[in-house]
Protein backbone atom coordinates (compact mmCIF):
# COMPACT_ATOMS: atom_id res chain seq x y z
CA MET A 1 2.36 -19.02 17.04
CA GLY A 2 -0.05 -20.15 14.71
CA LEU A 3 -0.87 -20.08 11.29
CA ILE A 4 -3.16 -17.37 11.76
CA GLN A 5 -1.19 -15.50 14.74
CA LEU A 6 1.09 -15.05 12.54
CA ILE A 7 -1.01 -13.91 9.51
CA HIS A 8 -1.69 -11.05 11.96
CA PHE A 9 1.58 -10.44 13.10
CA VAL A 10 2.97 -10.44 9.33
CA PHE A 11 -0.07 -7.49 8.76
CA THR A 12 -0.19 -5.41 11.67
CA MET A 13 3.88 -4.56 11.35
CA PHE A 14 2.96 -4.03 7.64
CA TYR A 15 0.33 -1.91 8.75
CA LEU A 16 2.61 0.24 11.06
CA ALA A 17 5.66 0.26 8.52
CA ILE A 18 3.01 2.46 6.23
CA LEU A 19 1.54 4.38 8.83
CA GLY A 20 4.83 5.46 10.19
CA ARG A 21 6.02 6.54 6.90
CA ILE A 22 3.12 8.25 6.07
CA ILE A 23 4.02 10.55 9.69
CA LEU A 24 7.46 10.45 9.14
CA SER A 25 6.72 11.63 6.10
CA PHE A 26 5.00 15.07 7.27
CA ILE A 27 7.30 15.16 10.18
CA ILE A 28 10.46 15.64 8.48
CA PRO A 29 9.67 18.23 6.13
CA MET A 30 8.37 19.71 8.98
CA MET A 31 11.76 20.38 10.75
CA GLY A 32 13.35 22.29 8.92
CA GLY A 33 16.80 22.53 7.35
CA ARG A 34 18.32 19.81 9.22
CA PRO A 35 16.62 17.04 10.14
CA ASN A 36 17.45 14.19 12.26
CA PRO A 37 19.36 11.66 10.97
CA ILE A 38 17.88 9.12 13.03
CA LEU A 39 14.34 10.20 11.89
CA ILE A 40 15.39 9.65 8.15
CA ASN A 41 16.95 6.77 8.84
CA ILE A 42 14.19 5.16 9.95
CA TYR A 43 11.56 6.50 7.21
CA ASP A 44 14.45 5.07 4.99
CA ILE A 45 14.09 1.57 6.23
CA LEU A 46 10.29 1.96 6.26
CA ALA A 47 10.49 2.71 2.44
CA GLN A 48 12.20 0.33 1.80
CA ILE A 49 9.26 -2.33 3.23
CA THR A 50 6.65 -1.01 1.38
CA GLU A 51 7.78 0.39 -1.40
CA PRO A 52 7.45 -2.55 -3.06
CA ILE A 53 3.88 -2.47 -2.52
CA LEU A 54 3.45 1.06 -2.93
CA GLY A 55 5.53 2.09 -5.53
CA PRO A 56 2.92 0.13 -8.52
CA VAL A 57 -0.16 1.79 -5.91
CA ARG A 58 1.20 5.57 -7.08
CA LYS A 59 1.76 4.15 -10.91
CA ILE A 60 -2.07 4.00 -11.44
CA ILE A 61 -3.52 6.07 -8.55
CA PRO A 62 -2.40 9.66 -9.35
CA THR A 63 -1.56 12.27 -6.46
CA VAL A 64 -4.67 14.98 -5.98
CA GLY A 65 -2.24 18.35 -5.04
CA MET A 66 0.58 17.36 -2.75
CA LEU A 67 -1.75 14.36 -1.42
CA ASP A 68 -0.62 10.45 -1.87
CA PHE A 69 -3.67 8.49 -1.52
CA SER A 70 -1.72 5.19 -2.39
CA PRO A 71 -0.68 3.94 1.11
CA LEU A 72 -4.57 4.53 1.82
CA VAL A 73 -5.52 2.46 -0.64
CA VAL A 74 -3.12 -0.21 0.20
CA ILE A 75 -4.27 -0.74 3.58
CA ILE A 76 -7.76 -1.07 2.32
CA VAL A 77 -6.61 -3.48 0.14
CA LEU A 78 -3.89 -5.14 2.30
CA GLN A 79 -6.98 -5.56 4.94
CA ILE A 80 -9.44 -7.51 2.47
CA ILE A 81 -6.52 -9.36 2.02
CA HIS A 82 -6.05 -9.88 5.52
CA GLU A 83 -9.87 -11.03 5.95
CA VAL A 84 -10.34 -13.41 3.67
CA LEU A 85 -6.80 -15.90 4.40
CA VAL A 86 -8.00 -15.48 8.22
CA VAL A 87 -11.16 -16.51 7.34
CA ALA A 88 -10.30 -19.51 4.45
CA LEU A 89 -7.98 -20.72 7.65
CA SER A 90 -10.33 -20.85 10.05
């Protein structure tokens, strides 16, 4: 696996982790009093992976009502970094 493929893989996995966390943050509360423990465990793992990046951004960008825009900002910034790295290494 070349360096560019590794970069694509790492960034794609991180995008998917953020997306999974977003989706589960909507699904778990809708499940009522007893959400599935497996979903909670998956959410906790995704939170451990993504919080080191989302946490500092969340401190800078306030939530609007119940909406947290930090994942969107992080995805945009990661996409820019991803493109710059790929172009620089090509």
